[in-house]
Amino acid sequence: MAVKERVGLVVSDKMDKTVVVAIENRSSHTKYGKIVVRTKRYKAHDEENKCKEGDRVRIQETRPLSRTKRWVVAEILNSTSQS
């Protein structure tokens, strides 16, 4: 079975070893045809606290790590921090 992966934007990094990633889903409305943007937020595990707010990251599904955490940061695609 394939591992589920999503690409999204880090919207919060205030928790320890956890980031909140917003995934945008753009789809056409079935009746009116207008593009509808739906946003879903996932909590993802970030072991080294490397992710910062505004980073584009790839997350993948894993076993439950806490009550709300079921995703882990696989890689940071675009980083906003200048280092």
N, C-alpha and C. Protein backbone atom coordinates (compact mmCIF):
# COMPACT_ATOMS: atom_id res chain seq x y z
N MET A 1 0.83 -1.19 0.00
CA MET A 1 0.00 0.00 0.00
C MET A 1 0.88 1.25 0.00
N ALA A 2 0.51 2.23 -0.81
CA ALA A 2 1.30 3.45 -0.94
C ALA A 2 1.14 4.35 0.28
N VAL A 3 2.20 5.06 0.61
CA VAL A 3 2.17 6.00 1.72
C VAL A 3 1.56 7.31 1.24
N LYS A 4 0.59 7.84 2.00
CA LYS A 4 -0.04 9.10 1.62
C LYS A 4 0.94 10.24 1.87
N GLU A 5 1.07 11.13 0.87
CA GLU A 5 1.93 12.30 1.00
C GLU A 5 1.16 13.54 0.59
N ARG A 6 1.45 14.63 1.22
CA ARG A 6 0.83 15.91 0.90
C ARG A 6 1.92 16.99 0.92
N VAL A 7 1.71 18.06 0.17
CA VAL A 7 2.63 19.20 0.18
C VAL A 7 1.83 20.42 0.63
N GLY A 8 2.37 21.12 1.63
CA GLY A 8 1.65 22.27 2.15
C GLY A 8 2.57 23.28 2.79
N LEU A 9 1.95 24.28 3.41
CA LEU A 9 2.65 25.42 3.98
C LEU A 9 2.55 25.36 5.50
N VAL A 10 3.68 25.58 6.18
CA VAL A 10 3.68 25.60 7.64
C VAL A 10 3.04 26.91 8.10
N VAL A 11 1.95 26.82 8.86
CA VAL A 11 1.26 28.01 9.34
C VAL A 11 1.51 28.27 10.82
N SER A 12 2.03 27.27 11.55
CA SER A 12 2.36 27.47 12.96
C SER A 12 3.49 26.52 13.36
N ASP A 13 4.47 27.09 14.09
CA ASP A 13 5.58 26.27 14.60
C ASP A 13 5.79 26.51 16.10
N LYS A 14 4.73 26.90 16.79
CA LYS A 14 4.85 27.29 18.18
C LYS A 14 4.96 26.11 19.14
N MET A 15 4.51 24.94 18.72
CA MET A 15 4.59 23.76 19.61
C MET A 15 5.97 23.11 19.50
N ASP A 16 6.32 22.34 20.52
CA ASP A 16 7.59 21.64 20.52
C ASP A 16 7.47 20.37 19.69
N LYS A 17 8.35 20.23 18.69
CA LYS A 17 8.40 19.07 17.80
C LYS A 17 7.13 18.84 16.99
N THR A 18 6.30 19.89 16.84
CA THR A 18 5.07 19.78 16.06
C THR A 18 4.88 21.05 15.25
N VAL A 19 4.45 20.88 14.00
CA VAL A 19 4.10 22.01 13.16
C VAL A 19 2.69 21.79 12.62
N VAL A 20 2.00 22.90 12.31
CA VAL A 20 0.69 22.82 11.69
C VAL A 20 0.88 23.16 10.22
N VAL A 21 0.45 22.24 9.35
CA VAL A 21 0.63 22.39 7.91
C VAL A 21 -0.73 22.56 7.26
N ALA A 22 -0.90 23.62 6.47
CA ALA A 22 -2.15 23.87 5.76
C ALA A 22 -2.03 23.35 4.34
N ILE A 23 -2.99 22.50 3.95
CA ILE A 23 -3.03 21.93 2.60
C ILE A 23 -4.20 22.55 1.86
N GLU A 24 -3.93 23.16 0.71
CA GLU A 24 -4.99 23.76 -0.10
C GLU A 24 -5.48 22.77 -1.13
N ASN A 25 -6.78 22.62 -1.22
CA ASN A 25 -7.38 21.76 -2.23
C ASN A 25 -8.26 22.62 -3.12
N ARG A 26 -7.89 22.73 -4.40
CA ARG A 26 -8.68 23.52 -5.34
C ARG A 26 -9.48 22.56 -6.21
N SER A 27 -10.79 22.79 -6.21
CA SER A 27 -11.65 21.94 -7.02
C SER A 27 -12.76 22.79 -7.63
N SER A 28 -13.31 22.29 -8.71
CA SER A 28 -14.38 22.99 -9.40
C SER A 28 -15.71 22.65 -8.74
N HIS A 29 -16.56 23.66 -8.54
CA HIS A 29 -17.89 23.41 -7.99
C HIS A 29 -18.70 22.60 -8.98
N THR A 30 -19.38 21.57 -8.48
CA THR A 30 -20.08 20.64 -9.39
C THR A 30 -21.18 21.32 -10.21
N LYS A 31 -21.89 22.26 -9.61
CA LYS A 31 -23.00 22.89 -10.33
C LYS A 31 -22.60 24.19 -11.02
N TYR A 32 -21.85 25.05 -10.35
CA TYR A 32 -21.58 26.38 -10.87
C TYR A 32 -20.24 26.52 -11.57
N GLY A 33 -19.32 25.56 -11.38
CA GLY A 33 -18.06 25.59 -12.12
C GLY A 33 -17.00 26.49 -11.54
N LYS A 34 -17.33 27.28 -10.52
CA LYS A 34 -16.35 28.17 -9.92
C LYS A 34 -15.30 27.35 -9.16
N ILE A 35 -14.04 27.82 -9.19
CA ILE A 35 -12.98 27.15 -8.45
C ILE A 35 -13.16 27.44 -6.96
N VAL A 36 -13.29 26.39 -6.17
CA VAL A 36 -13.48 26.51 -4.74
C VAL A 36 -12.19 26.06 -4.05
N VAL A 37 -11.69 26.89 -3.12
CA VAL A 37 -10.47 26.56 -2.40
C VAL A 37 -10.85 26.11 -1.00
N ARG A 38 -10.49 24.87 -0.67
CA ARG A 38 -10.73 24.34 0.67
C ARG A 38 -9.38 24.12 1.33
N THR A 39 -9.25 24.52 2.59
CA THR A 39 -7.99 24.37 3.31
C THR A 39 -8.19 23.41 4.48
N LYS A 40 -7.28 22.46 4.60
CA LYS A 40 -7.30 21.52 5.72
C LYS A 40 -5.97 21.64 6.43
N ARG A 41 -6.01 21.62 7.76
CA ARG A 41 -4.80 21.77 8.57
C ARG A 41 -4.45 20.44 9.22
N TYR A 42 -3.19 20.03 9.08
CA TYR A 42 -2.70 18.79 9.68
C TYR A 42 -1.60 19.13 10.67
N LYS A 43 -1.56 18.41 11.79
CA LYS A 43 -0.43 18.52 12.71
C LYS A 43 0.58 17.46 12.32
N ALA A 44 1.83 17.89 12.15
CA ALA A 44 2.88 16.98 11.71
C ALA A 44 4.05 17.02 12.69
N HIS A 45 4.69 15.87 12.85
CA HIS A 45 5.82 15.74 13.76
C HIS A 45 7.09 16.26 13.10
N ASP A 46 7.81 17.13 13.79
CA ASP A 46 9.06 17.72 13.30
C ASP A 46 10.11 17.49 14.39
N GLU A 47 10.84 16.39 14.29
CA GLU A 47 11.73 15.93 15.36
C GLU A 47 12.78 16.96 15.77
N GLU A 48 13.42 17.63 14.79
CA GLU A 48 14.51 18.56 15.12
C GLU A 48 14.08 20.02 15.20
N ASN A 49 12.79 20.29 15.14
CA ASN A 49 12.26 21.66 15.15
C ASN A 49 12.91 22.53 14.07
N LYS A 50 13.11 21.96 12.87
CA LYS A 50 13.74 22.69 11.77
C LYS A 50 12.76 23.57 11.01
N CYS A 51 11.51 23.18 10.95
CA CYS A 51 10.51 23.91 10.17
C CYS A 51 10.17 25.24 10.82
N LYS A 52 10.06 26.26 10.00
CA LYS A 52 9.64 27.58 10.46
C LYS A 52 8.37 27.97 9.72
N GLU A 53 7.67 28.94 10.26
CA GLU A 53 6.44 29.41 9.65
C GLU A 53 6.73 29.94 8.24
N GLY A 54 5.92 29.52 7.26
CA GLY A 54 6.10 29.95 5.88
C GLY A 54 6.85 28.95 5.02
N ASP A 55 7.44 27.92 5.62
CA ASP A 55 8.15 26.89 4.84
C ASP A 55 7.16 26.02 4.08
N ARG A 56 7.56 25.58 2.88
CA ARG A 56 6.78 24.61 2.12
C ARG A 56 7.38 23.24 2.42
N VAL A 57 6.54 22.31 2.89
CA VAL A 57 7.03 21.01 3.34
C VAL A 57 6.22 19.87 2.72
N ARG A 58 6.86 18.69 2.68
CA ARG A 58 6.16 17.46 2.29
C ARG A 58 5.95 16.65 3.54
N ILE A 59 4.70 16.25 3.79
CA ILE A 59 4.40 15.43 4.96
C ILE A 59 3.88 14.08 4.50
N GLN A 60 4.09 13.06 5.32
CA GLN A 60 3.56 11.74 4.99
C GLN A 60 2.90 11.12 6.21
N GLU A 61 1.89 10.29 5.92
CA GLU A 61 1.11 9.68 6.97
C GLU A 61 1.93 8.63 7.71
N THR A 62 1.67 8.52 9.02
CA THR A 62 2.37 7.56 9.86
C THR A 62 1.41 7.05 10.93
N ARG A 63 1.91 6.23 11.82
CA ARG A 63 1.07 5.75 12.92
C ARG A 63 0.70 6.93 13.82
N PRO A 64 -0.35 6.80 14.62
CA PRO A 64 -0.71 7.90 15.53
C PRO A 64 0.42 8.19 16.53
N LEU A 65 0.85 9.44 16.56
CA LEU A 65 1.92 9.85 17.47
C LEU A 65 1.36 10.52 18.72
N SER A 66 0.16 11.07 18.60
CA SER A 66 -0.54 11.65 19.74
C SER A 66 -2.02 11.67 19.38
N ARG A 67 -2.82 12.37 20.17
CA ARG A 67 -4.26 12.37 19.92
C ARG A 67 -4.60 12.98 18.56
N THR A 68 -3.86 14.00 18.13
CA THR A 68 -4.17 14.67 16.87
C THR A 68 -3.08 14.54 15.80
N LYS A 69 -1.92 13.99 16.16
CA LYS A 69 -0.80 13.93 15.22
C LYS A 69 -0.72 12.57 14.53
N ARG A 70 -0.92 12.57 13.18
CA ARG A 70 -0.81 11.35 12.40
C ARG A 70 0.10 11.53 11.18
N TRP A 71 0.82 12.63 11.13
CA TRP A 71 1.67 12.94 9.99
C TRP A 71 3.06 13.28 10.49
N VAL A 72 4.06 13.09 9.62
CA VAL A 72 5.44 13.42 9.96
C VAL A 72 6.04 14.21 8.78
N VAL A 73 6.89 15.19 9.09
CA VAL A 73 7.53 16.00 8.04
C VAL A 73 8.58 15.14 7.34
N ALA A 74 8.40 14.91 6.04
CA ALA A 74 9.33 14.10 5.27
C ALA A 74 10.52 14.94 4.81
N GLU A 75 10.22 16.15 4.29
CA GLU A 75 11.31 17.04 3.85
C GLU A 75 10.81 18.47 3.76
N ILE A 76 11.75 19.40 3.86
CA ILE A 76 11.47 20.82 3.68
C ILE A 76 11.80 21.16 2.24
N LEU A 77 10.80 21.61 1.48
CA LEU A 77 11.01 21.89 0.05
C LEU A 77 11.56 23.31 -0.15
N ASN A 78 10.90 24.29 0.41
CA ASN A 78 11.35 25.69 0.33
C ASN A 78 11.40 26.26 1.73
N SER A 79 12.55 26.77 2.13
CA SER A 79 12.71 27.34 3.45
C SER A 79 12.69 28.87 3.37
N THR A 80 12.03 29.51 4.33
CA THR A 80 11.98 30.97 4.33
C THR A 80 13.08 31.59 5.16
N SER A 81 13.72 30.80 6.03
CA SER A 81 14.77 31.33 6.91
C SER A 81 16.07 31.53 6.14
N GLN A 82 16.70 32.68 6.38
CA GLN A 82 17.99 32.95 5.75
C GLN A 82 19.09 32.52 6.72
N SER A 83 19.81 31.44 6.36
CA SER A 83 20.90 31.00 7.24
C SER A 83 22.14 30.70 6.45
